[in-house]
Amino acid sequence: MVKHARATAVDIRFTPAEDGGGLVVEVADDGSGPGAAPGSSAGGGPPQETLGLVSMRERTQRWGGRLVVGPRPSGGWTVRVTLPAAGTPVPPDRKARR
């Protein structure tokens, strides 16, 4: 995130999912976010679906998880991935393909 968001600080947290059966990974930074012009201090508005975000969303969904990306109220951006616990059934259309 530091490279693409032009951030100077990043906070990474790992917490149990609210249902107690999975993991939440949250990465928050103070950068400008996707789609912002170089040198701007805020991305503003919803993030553009860049190739990186599309890829993260596809990989997360493939494992039965959920991805949420957006601006922080205090400035910067957050990427939050919620993954199910090991052994949680994944729908056939979301299983990893080899």
PDB file of N, CA and C in Angstrom:
ATOM      1  N   MET A   1       0.813  -1.196   0.000  1.00  0.00           N
ATOM      2  CA  MET A   1       0.000   0.000   0.000  1.00  0.00           C
ATOM      3  C   MET A   1       0.857   1.260   0.000  1.00  0.00           C
ATOM      4  N   VAL A   2       1.986   1.201   0.670  1.00  0.00           N
ATOM      5  CA  VAL A   2       2.821   2.397   0.747  1.00  0.00           C
ATOM      6  C   VAL A   2       3.250   2.824  -0.646  1.00  0.00           C
ATOM      7  N   LYS A   3       3.615   1.880  -1.492  1.00  0.00           N
ATOM      8  CA  LYS A   3       4.083   2.198  -2.845  1.00  0.00           C
ATOM      9  C   LYS A   3       2.980   2.847  -3.673  1.00  0.00           C
ATOM     10  N   HIS A   4       1.786   2.279  -3.671  1.00  0.00           N
ATOM     11  CA  HIS A   4       0.723   2.745  -4.551  1.00  0.00           C
ATOM     12  C   HIS A   4      -0.094   3.892  -3.980  1.00  0.00           C
ATOM     13  N   ALA A   5      -0.141   4.022  -2.674  1.00  0.00           N
ATOM     14  CA  ALA A   5      -0.985   5.047  -2.055  1.00  0.00           C
ATOM     15  C   ALA A   5      -0.184   6.283  -1.645  1.00  0.00           C
ATOM     16  N   ARG A   6       1.128   6.235  -1.810  1.00  0.00           N
ATOM     17  CA  ARG A   6       1.995   7.327  -1.381  1.00  0.00           C
ATOM     18  C   ARG A   6       1.790   7.626   0.104  1.00  0.00           C
ATOM     19  N   ALA A   7       1.733   6.561   0.905  1.00  0.00           N
ATOM     20  CA  ALA A   7       1.513   6.684   2.343  1.00  0.00           C
ATOM     21  C   ALA A   7       2.837   6.839   3.082  1.00  0.00           C
ATOM     22  N   THR A   8       2.760   7.424   4.265  1.00  0.00           N
ATOM     23  CA  THR A   8       3.939   7.533   5.124  1.00  0.00           C
ATOM     24  C   THR A   8       3.810   6.644   6.362  1.00  0.00           C
ATOM     25  N   ALA A   9       2.604   6.157   6.641  1.00  0.00           N
ATOM     26  CA  ALA A   9       2.376   5.271   7.789  1.00  0.00           C
ATOM     27  C   ALA A   9       1.333   4.222   7.425  1.00  0.00           C
ATOM     28  N   VAL A  10       1.548   3.003   7.919  1.00  0.00           N
ATOM     29  CA  VAL A  10       0.623   1.898   7.674  1.00  0.00           C
ATOM     30  C   VAL A  10       0.379   1.166   8.988  1.00  0.00           C
ATOM     31  N   ASP A  11      -0.883   0.830   9.241  1.00  0.00           N
ATOM     32  CA  ASP A  11      -1.264   0.074  10.431  1.00  0.00           C
ATOM     33  C   ASP A  11      -1.900  -1.228   9.964  1.00  0.00           C
ATOM     34  N   ILE A  12      -1.390  -2.366  10.446  1.00  0.00           N
ATOM     35  CA  ILE A  12      -1.910  -3.670  10.048  1.00  0.00           C
ATOM     36  C   ILE A  12      -2.443  -4.372  11.290  1.00  0.00           C
ATOM     37  N   ARG A  13      -3.687  -4.862  11.191  1.00  0.00           N
ATOM     38  CA  ARG A  13      -4.315  -5.546  12.327  1.00  0.00           C
ATOM     39  C   ARG A  13      -4.896  -6.882  11.885  1.00  0.00           C
ATOM     40  N   PHE A  14      -4.735  -7.874  12.744  1.00  0.00           N
ATOM     41  CA  PHE A  14      -5.321  -9.199  12.564  1.00  0.00           C
ATOM     42  C   PHE A  14      -6.243  -9.438  13.752  1.00  0.00           C
ATOM     43  N   THR A  15      -7.530  -9.658  13.495  1.00  0.00           N
ATOM     44  CA  THR A  15      -8.489  -9.880  14.574  1.00  0.00           C
ATOM     45  C   THR A  15      -9.426 -11.026  14.200  1.00  0.00           C
ATOM     46  N   PRO A  16     -10.006 -11.672  15.206  1.00  0.00           N
ATOM     47  CA  PRO A  16     -10.995 -12.707  14.900  1.00  0.00           C
ATOM     48  C   PRO A  16     -12.212 -12.077  14.236  1.00  0.00           C
ATOM     49  N   ALA A  17     -12.845 -12.811  13.322  1.00  0.00           N
ATOM     50  CA  ALA A  17     -14.076 -12.331  12.688  1.00  0.00           C
ATOM     51  C   ALA A  17     -15.163 -12.225  13.752  1.00  0.00           C
ATOM     52  N   GLU A  18     -16.137 -11.363  13.512  1.00  0.00           N
ATOM     53  CA  GLU A  18     -17.206 -11.134  14.476  1.00  0.00           C
ATOM     54  C   GLU A  18     -17.949 -12.408  14.834  1.00  0.00           C
ATOM     55  N   ASP A  19     -18.056 -13.328  13.874  1.00  0.00           N
ATOM     56  CA  ASP A  19     -18.759 -14.581  14.164  1.00  0.00           C
ATOM     57  C   ASP A  19     -17.863 -15.574  14.897  1.00  0.00           C
ATOM     58  N   GLY A  20     -16.605 -15.196  15.128  1.00  0.00           N
ATOM     59  CA  GLY A  20     -15.674 -16.044  15.849  1.00  0.00           C
ATOM     60  C   GLY A  20     -15.111 -17.181  15.028  1.00  0.00           C
ATOM     61  N   GLY A  21     -15.496 -17.282  13.783  1.00  0.00           N
ATOM     62  CA  GLY A  21     -15.070 -18.410  12.971  1.00  0.00           C
ATOM     63  C   GLY A  21     -14.184 -18.046  11.813  1.00  0.00           C
ATOM     64  N   GLY A  22     -13.499 -16.966  11.877  1.00  0.00           N
ATOM     65  CA  GLY A  22     -12.650 -16.577  10.765  1.00  0.00           C
ATOM     66  C   GLY A  22     -11.645 -15.525  11.199  1.00  0.00           C
ATOM     67  N   LEU A  23     -11.074 -14.850  10.225  1.00  0.00           N
ATOM     68  CA  LEU A  23     -10.032 -13.862  10.472  1.00  0.00           C
ATOM     69  C   LEU A  23     -10.311 -12.598   9.680  1.00  0.00           C
ATOM     70  N   VAL A  24     -10.042 -11.455  10.305  1.00  0.00           N
ATOM     71  CA  VAL A  24     -10.136 -10.170   9.632  1.00  0.00           C
ATOM     72  C   VAL A  24      -8.734  -9.583   9.571  1.00  0.00           C
ATOM     73  N   VAL A  25      -8.308  -9.207   8.370  1.00  0.00           N
ATOM     74  CA  VAL A  25      -7.032  -8.534   8.168  1.00  0.00           C
ATOM     75  C   VAL A  25      -7.366  -7.131   7.680  1.00  0.00           C
ATOM     76  N   GLU A  26      -6.885  -6.131   8.419  1.00  0.00           N
ATOM     77  CA  GLU A  26      -7.172  -4.743   8.053  1.00  0.00           C
ATOM     78  C   GLU A  26      -5.864  -3.983   7.915  1.00  0.00           C
ATOM     79  N   VAL A  27      -5.697  -3.339   6.769  1.00  0.00           N
ATOM     80  CA  VAL A  27      -4.513  -2.534   6.493  1.00  0.00           C
ATOM     81  C   VAL A  27      -4.995  -1.108   6.253  1.00  0.00           C
ATOM     82  N   ALA A  28      -4.548  -0.182   7.107  1.00  0.00           N
ATOM     83  CA  ALA A  28      -4.961   1.220   6.993  1.00  0.00           C
ATOM     84  C   ALA A  28      -3.716   2.078   6.813  1.00  0.00           C
ATOM     85  N   ASP A  29      -3.828   3.086   5.957  1.00  0.00           N
ATOM     86  CA  ASP A  29      -2.697   3.978   5.739  1.00  0.00           C
ATOM     87  C   ASP A  29      -3.149   5.433   5.746  1.00  0.00           C
ATOM     88  N   ASP A  30      -2.185   6.322   5.610  1.00  0.00           N
ATOM     89  CA  ASP A  30      -2.492   7.750   5.556  1.00  0.00           C
ATOM     90  C   ASP A  30      -2.266   8.304   4.154  1.00  0.00           C
ATOM     91  N   GLY A  31      -2.291   7.426   3.162  1.00  0.00           N
ATOM     92  CA  GLY A  31      -1.991   7.826   1.782  1.00  0.00           C
ATOM     93  C   GLY A  31      -3.180   8.383   1.035  1.00  0.00           C
ATOM     94  N   SER A  32      -2.948   8.645  -0.236  1.00  0.00           N
ATOM     95  CA  SER A  32      -3.960   9.269  -1.081  1.00  0.00           C
ATOM     96  C   SER A  32      -4.918   8.269  -1.704  1.00  0.00           C
ATOM     97  N   GLY A  33      -4.563   7.003  -1.715  1.00  0.00           N
ATOM     98  CA  GLY A  33      -5.472   5.976  -2.211  1.00  0.00           C
ATOM     99  C   GLY A  33      -5.448   5.810  -3.714  1.00  0.00           C
ATOM    100  N   PRO A  34      -6.186   4.798  -4.199  1.00  0.00           N
ATOM    101  CA  PRO A  34      -6.206   4.502  -5.623  1.00  0.00           C
ATOM    102  C   PRO A  34      -6.898   5.592  -6.428  1.00  0.00           C
ATOM    103  N   GLY A  35      -6.372   5.867  -7.582  1.00  0.00           N
ATOM    104  CA  GLY A  35      -7.010   6.804  -8.486  1.00  0.00           C
ATOM    105  C   GLY A  35      -6.724   8.266  -8.197  1.00  0.00           C
ATOM    106  N   ALA A  36      -5.940   8.555  -7.172  1.00  0.00           N
ATOM    107  CA  ALA A  36      -5.640   9.945  -6.837  1.00  0.00           C
ATOM    108  C   ALA A  36      -4.481  10.443  -7.694  1.00  0.00           C
ATOM    109  N   ALA A  37      -4.506  11.699  -7.998  1.00  0.00           N
ATOM    110  CA  ALA A  37      -3.422  12.288  -8.769  1.00  0.00           C
ATOM    111  C   ALA A  37      -2.167  12.368  -7.914  1.00  0.00           C
ATOM    112  N   PRO A  38      -0.981  12.123  -8.492  1.00  0.00           N
ATOM    113  CA  PRO A  38       0.249  12.239  -7.724  1.00  0.00           C
ATOM    114  C   PRO A  38       0.336  13.612  -7.062  1.00  0.00           C
ATOM    115  N   GLY A  39       0.729  13.599  -5.803  1.00  0.00           N
ATOM    116  CA  GLY A  39       0.866  14.852  -5.069  1.00  0.00           C
ATOM    117  C   GLY A  39      -0.392  15.296  -4.359  1.00  0.00           C
ATOM    118  N   SER A  40      -1.538  14.656  -4.628  1.00  0.00           N
ATOM    119  CA  SER A  40      -2.760  15.047  -3.929  1.00  0.00           C
ATOM    120  C   SER A  40      -2.768  14.418  -2.550  1.00  0.00           C
ATOM    121  N   SER A  41      -3.494  15.012  -1.619  1.00  0.00           N
ATOM    122  CA  SER A  41      -3.490  14.512  -0.253  1.00  0.00           C
ATOM    123  C   SER A  41      -4.643  13.578   0.033  1.00  0.00           C
ATOM    124  N   ALA A  42      -5.618  13.487  -0.859  1.00  0.00           N
ATOM    125  CA  ALA A  42      -6.754  12.593  -0.617  1.00  0.00           C
ATOM    126  C   ALA A  42      -7.295  12.085  -1.935  1.00  0.00           C
ATOM    127  N   GLY A  43      -7.725  10.837  -1.928  1.00  0.00           N
ATOM    128  CA  GLY A  43      -8.303  10.250  -3.127  1.00  0.00           C
ATOM    129  C   GLY A  43      -9.712  10.764  -3.347  1.00  0.00           C
ATOM    130  N   GLY A  44     -10.500  10.824  -2.267  1.00  0.00           N
ATOM    131  CA  GLY A  44     -11.879  11.302  -2.352  1.00  0.00           C
ATOM    132  C   GLY A  44     -12.767  10.353  -3.122  1.00  0.00           C
ATOM    133  N   GLY A  45     -13.958  10.132  -2.647  1.00  0.00           N
ATOM    134  CA  GLY A  45     -14.920   9.285  -3.340  1.00  0.00           C
ATOM    135  C   GLY A  45     -14.560   7.823  -3.251  1.00  0.00           C
ATOM    136  N   PRO A  46     -15.382   6.988  -3.860  1.00  0.00           N
ATOM    137  CA  PRO A  46     -15.118   5.557  -3.810  1.00  0.00           C
ATOM    138  C   PRO A  46     -13.888   5.203  -4.630  1.00  0.00           C
ATOM    139  N   PRO A  47     -13.191   4.125  -4.251  1.00  0.00           N
ATOM    140  CA  PRO A  47     -11.994   3.758  -4.997  1.00  0.00           C
ATOM    141  C   PRO A  47     -12.344   3.263  -6.391  1.00  0.00           C
ATOM    142  N   GLN A  48     -11.475   3.558  -7.337  1.00  0.00           N
ATOM    143  CA  GLN A  48     -11.643   3.026  -8.680  1.00  0.00           C
ATOM    144  C   GLN A  48     -11.252   1.558  -8.645  1.00  0.00           C
ATOM    145  N   GLU A  49     -11.909   0.730  -9.418  1.00  0.00           N
ATOM    146  CA  GLU A  49     -11.583  -0.689  -9.464  1.00  0.00           C
ATOM    147  C   GLU A  49     -10.357  -0.889 -10.350  1.00  0.00           C
ATOM    148  N   THR A  50      -9.195  -0.635  -9.778  1.00  0.00           N
ATOM    149  CA  THR A  50      -7.946  -0.849 -10.494  1.00  0.00           C
ATOM    150  C   THR A  50      -7.671  -2.354 -10.579  1.00  0.00           C
ATOM    151  N   LEU A  51      -6.712  -2.737 -11.403  1.00  0.00           N
ATOM    152  CA  LEU A  51      -6.397  -4.155 -11.553  1.00  0.00           C
ATOM    153  C   LEU A  51      -6.007  -4.783 -10.220  1.00  0.00           C
ATOM    154  N   GLY A  52      -5.290  -4.052  -9.380  1.00  0.00           N
ATOM    155  CA  GLY A  52      -4.895  -4.586  -8.080  1.00  0.00           C
ATOM    156  C   GLY A  52      -6.089  -4.867  -7.194  1.00  0.00           C
ATOM    157  N   LEU A  53      -7.050  -3.946  -7.171  1.00  0.00           N
ATOM    158  CA  LEU A  53      -8.252  -4.152  -6.355  1.00  0.00           C
ATOM    159  C   LEU A  53      -9.116  -5.277  -6.911  1.00  0.00           C
ATOM    160  N   VAL A  54      -9.231  -5.358  -8.216  1.00  0.00           N
ATOM    161  CA  VAL A  54      -9.996  -6.436  -8.842  1.00  0.00           C
ATOM    162  C   VAL A  54      -9.371  -7.775  -8.469  1.00  0.00           C
ATOM    163  N   SER A  55      -8.055  -7.867  -8.561  1.00  0.00           N
ATOM    164  CA  SER A  55      -7.345  -9.104  -8.245  1.00  0.00           C
ATOM    165  C   SER A  55      -7.522  -9.481  -6.775  1.00  0.00           C
ATOM    166  N   MET A  56      -7.403  -8.511  -5.876  1.00  0.00           N
ATOM    167  CA  MET A  56      -7.601  -8.794  -4.444  1.00  0.00           C
ATOM    168  C   MET A  56      -9.025  -9.274  -4.184  1.00  0.00           C
ATOM    169  N   ARG A  57     -10.002  -8.634  -4.825  1.00  0.00           N
ATOM    170  CA  ARG A  57     -11.401  -9.020  -4.635  1.00  0.00           C
ATOM    171  C   ARG A  57     -11.638 -10.452  -5.145  1.00  0.00           C
ATOM    172  N   GLU A  58     -11.101 -10.780  -6.320  1.00  0.00           N
ATOM    173  CA  GLU A  58     -11.276 -12.117  -6.886  1.00  0.00           C
ATOM    174  C   GLU A  58     -10.649 -13.181  -5.990  1.00  0.00           C
ATOM    175  N   ARG A  59      -9.452 -12.936  -5.508  1.00  0.00           N
ATOM    176  CA  ARG A  59      -8.773 -13.906  -4.644  1.00  0.00           C
ATOM    177  C   ARG A  59      -9.514 -14.079  -3.323  1.00  0.00           C
ATOM    178  N   THR A  60      -9.977 -12.989  -2.757  1.00  0.00           N
ATOM    179  CA  THR A  60     -10.714 -13.055  -1.495  1.00  0.00           C
ATOM    180  C   THR A  60     -12.003 -13.840  -1.671  1.00  0.00           C
ATOM    181  N   GLN A  61     -12.747 -13.562  -2.724  1.00  0.00           N
ATOM    182  CA  GLN A  61     -14.006 -14.261  -2.980  1.00  0.00           C
ATOM    183  C   GLN A  61     -13.774 -15.740  -3.277  1.00  0.00           C
ATOM    184  N   ARG A  62     -12.673 -16.037  -3.946  1.00  0.00           N
ATOM    185  CA  ARG A  62     -12.362 -17.430  -4.275  1.00  0.00           C
ATOM    186  C   ARG A  62     -12.255 -18.283  -3.016  1.00  0.00           C
ATOM    187  N   TRP A  63     -11.807 -17.683  -1.918  1.00  0.00           N
ATOM    188  CA  TRP A  63     -11.670 -18.408  -0.658  1.00  0.00           C
ATOM    189  C   TRP A  63     -12.871 -18.185   0.261  1.00  0.00           C
ATOM    190  N   GLY A  64     -13.959 -17.634  -0.284  1.00  0.00           N
ATOM    191  CA  GLY A  64     -15.177 -17.462   0.498  1.00  0.00           C
ATOM    192  C   GLY A  64     -15.165 -16.233   1.392  1.00  0.00           C
ATOM    193  N   GLY A  65     -14.249 -15.306   1.132  1.00  0.00           N
ATOM    194  CA  GLY A  65     -14.114 -14.112   1.958  1.00  0.00           C
ATOM    195  C   GLY A  65     -14.768 -12.893   1.346  1.00  0.00           C
ATOM    196  N   ARG A  66     -14.515 -11.764   2.012  1.00  0.00           N
ATOM    197  CA  ARG A  66     -15.104 -10.498   1.575  1.00  0.00           C
ATOM    198  C   ARG A  66     -14.033  -9.410   1.664  1.00  0.00           C
ATOM    199  N   LEU A  67     -13.996  -8.526   0.686  1.00  0.00           N
ATOM    200  CA  LEU A  67     -13.051  -7.415   0.638  1.00  0.00           C
ATOM    201  C   LEU A  67     -13.814  -6.107   0.662  1.00  0.00           C
ATOM    202  N   VAL A  68     -13.374  -5.196   1.528  1.00  0.00           N
ATOM    203  CA  VAL A  68     -13.952  -3.854   1.584  1.00  0.00           C
ATOM    204  C   VAL A  68     -12.793  -2.865   1.522  1.00  0.00           C
ATOM    205  N   VAL A  69     -12.868  -1.915   0.591  1.00  0.00           N
ATOM    206  CA  VAL A  69     -11.827  -0.907   0.418  1.00  0.00           C
ATOM    207  C   VAL A  69     -12.485   0.459   0.409  1.00  0.00           C
ATOM    208  N   GLY A  70     -11.901   1.409   1.121  1.00  0.00           N
ATOM    209  CA  GLY A  70     -12.473   2.739   1.092  1.00  0.00           C
ATOM    210  C   GLY A  70     -11.668   3.751   1.885  1.00  0.00           C
ATOM    211  N   PRO A  71     -12.049   5.012   1.755  1.00  0.00           N
ATOM    212  CA  PRO A  71     -11.342   6.075   2.466  1.00  0.00           C
ATOM    213  C   PRO A  71     -11.646   6.047   3.960  1.00  0.00           C
ATOM    214  N   ARG A  72     -10.675   6.487   4.762  1.00  0.00           N
ATOM    215  CA  ARG A  72     -10.855   6.617   6.209  1.00  0.00           C
ATOM    216  C   ARG A  72     -11.364   8.023   6.499  1.00  0.00           C
ATOM    217  N   PRO A  73     -12.210   8.190   7.514  1.00  0.00           N
ATOM    218  CA  PRO A  73     -12.711   9.527   7.852  1.00  0.00           C
ATOM    219  C   PRO A  73     -11.592  10.517   8.182  1.00  0.00           C
ATOM    220  N   SER A  74     -10.499  10.007   8.765  1.00  0.00           N
ATOM    221  CA  SER A  74      -9.389  10.868   9.156  1.00  0.00           C
ATOM    222  C   SER A  74      -8.380  11.078   8.035  1.00  0.00           C
ATOM    223  N   GLY A  75      -8.657  10.538   6.848  1.00  0.00           N
ATOM    224  CA  GLY A  75      -7.724  10.620   5.731  1.00  0.00           C
ATOM    225  C   GLY A  75      -7.012   9.289   5.567  1.00  0.00           C
ATOM    226  N   GLY A  76      -6.624   8.991   4.372  1.00  0.00           N
ATOM    227  CA  GLY A  76      -5.999   7.711   4.094  1.00  0.00           C
ATOM    228  C   GLY A  76      -7.031   6.692   3.651  1.00  0.00           C
ATOM    229  N   TRP A  77      -6.595   5.445   3.573  1.00  0.00           N
ATOM    230  CA  TRP A  77      -7.447   4.374   3.037  1.00  0.00           C
ATOM    231  C   TRP A  77      -7.337   3.127   3.881  1.00  0.00           C
ATOM    232  N   THR A  78      -8.376   2.305   3.820  1.00  0.00           N
ATOM    233  CA  THR A  78      -8.394   1.024   4.525  1.00  0.00           C
ATOM    234  C   THR A  78      -8.746  -0.091   3.554  1.00  0.00           C
ATOM    235  N   VAL A  79      -8.012  -1.189   3.662  1.00  0.00           N
ATOM    236  CA  VAL A  79      -8.330  -2.425   2.958  1.00  0.00           C
ATOM    237  C   VAL A  79      -8.642  -3.436   4.051  1.00  0.00           C
ATOM    238  N   ARG A  80      -9.847  -4.014   4.014  1.00  0.00           N
ATOM    239  CA  ARG A  80     -10.285  -4.964   5.041  1.00  0.00           C
ATOM    240  C   ARG A  80     -10.716  -6.260   4.353  1.00  0.00           C
ATOM    241  N   VAL A  81     -10.065  -7.360   4.741  1.00  0.00           N
ATOM    242  CA  VAL A  81     -10.370  -8.677   4.198  1.00  0.00           C
ATOM    243  C   VAL A  81     -10.890  -9.544   5.338  1.00  0.00           C
ATOM    244  N   THR A  82     -12.064 -10.132   5.137  1.00  0.00           N
ATOM    245  CA  THR A  82     -12.621 -11.071   6.097  1.00  0.00           C
ATOM    246  C   THR A  82     -12.604 -12.449   5.452  1.00  0.00           C
ATOM    247  N   LEU A  83     -11.920 -13.384   6.115  1.00  0.00           N
ATOM    248  CA  LEU A  83     -11.790 -14.740   5.599  1.00  0.00           C
ATOM    249  C   LEU A  83     -12.470 -15.720   6.544  1.00  0.00           C
ATOM    250  N   PRO A  84     -13.131 -16.753   5.995  1.00  0.00           N
ATOM    251  CA  PRO A  84     -13.777 -17.746   6.854  1.00  0.00           C
ATOM    252  C   PRO A  84     -12.737 -18.642   7.517  1.00  0.00           C
ATOM    253  N   ALA A  85     -13.168 -19.349   8.558  1.00  0.00           N
ATOM    254  CA  ALA A  85     -12.288 -20.291   9.248  1.00  0.00           C
ATOM    255  C   ALA A  85     -11.951 -21.458   8.333  1.00  0.00           C
ATOM    256  N   ALA A  86     -10.823 -22.085   8.608  1.00  0.00           N
ATOM    257  CA  ALA A  86     -10.443 -23.281   7.854  1.00  0.00           C
ATOM    258  C   ALA A  86     -11.541 -24.321   8.000  1.00  0.00           C
ATOM    259  N   GLY A  87     -11.832 -24.986   6.921  1.00  0.00           N
ATOM    260  CA  GLY A  87     -12.865 -26.008   6.949  1.00  0.00           C
ATOM    261  C   GLY A  87     -14.252 -25.485   6.625  1.00  0.00           C
ATOM    262  N   THR A  88     -14.402 -24.153   6.511  1.00  0.00           N
ATOM    263  CA  THR A  88     -15.692 -23.583   6.135  1.00  0.00           C
ATOM    264  C   THR A  88     -15.946 -23.902   4.673  1.00  0.00           C
ATOM    265  N   PRO A  89     -17.103 -24.490   4.353  1.00  0.00           N
ATOM    266  CA  PRO A  89     -17.374 -24.814   2.950  1.00  0.00           C
ATOM    267  C   PRO A  89     -17.346 -23.569   2.061  1.00  0.00           C
ATOM    268  N   VAL A  90     -16.689 -23.695   0.922  1.00  0.00           N
ATOM    269  CA  VAL A  90     -16.630 -22.624  -0.065  1.00  0.00           C
ATOM    270  C   VAL A  90     -17.492 -23.057  -1.243  1.00  0.00           C
ATOM    271  N   PRO A  91     -18.407 -22.188  -1.702  1.00  0.00           N
ATOM    272  CA  PRO A  91     -19.241 -22.558  -2.850  1.00  0.00           C
ATOM    273  C   PRO A  91     -18.386 -23.008  -4.030  1.00  0.00           C
ATOM    274  N   PRO A  92     -18.856 -23.993  -4.808  1.00  0.00           N
ATOM    275  CA  PRO A  92     -18.062 -24.539  -5.928  1.00  0.00           C
ATOM    276  C   PRO A  92     -17.578 -23.475  -6.905  1.00  0.00           C
ATOM    277  N   ASP A  93     -18.367 -22.429  -7.143  1.00  0.00           N
ATOM    278  CA  ASP A  93     -17.962 -21.409  -8.113  1.00  0.00           C
ATOM    279  C   ASP A  93     -16.870 -20.506  -7.556  1.00  0.00           C
ATOM    280  N   ARG A  94     -16.505 -20.656  -6.285  1.00  0.00           N
ATOM    281  CA  ARG A  94     -15.468 -19.819  -5.695  1.00  0.00           C
ATOM    282  C   ARG A  94     -14.214 -20.601  -5.318  1.00  0.00           C
ATOM    283  N   LYS A  95     -14.194 -21.895  -5.600  1.00  0.00           N
ATOM    284  CA  LYS A  95     -13.027 -22.690  -5.266  1.00  0.00           C
ATOM    285  C   LYS A  95     -11.869 -22.327  -6.185  1.00  0.00           C
ATOM    286  N   ALA A  96     -10.664 -22.440  -5.630  1.00  0.00           N
ATOM    287  CA  ALA A  96      -9.453 -22.146  -6.405  1.00  0.00           C
ATOM    288  C   ALA A  96      -9.346 -23.112  -7.576  1.00  0.00           C
ATOM    289  N   ARG A  97      -8.983 -22.591  -8.708  1.00  0.00           N
ATOM    290  CA  ARG A  97      -8.793 -23.411  -9.900  1.00  0.00           C
ATOM    291  C   ARG A  97      -7.306 -23.649 -10.106  1.00  0.00           C
ATOM    292  N   ARG A  98      -6.986 -24.831 -10.556  1.00  0.00           N
ATOM    293  CA  ARG A  98      -5.563 -25.146 -10.819  1.00  0.00           C
ATOM    294  C   ARG A  98      -5.299 -25.215 -12.281  1.00  0.00           C
TER     295      ARG A  98
END
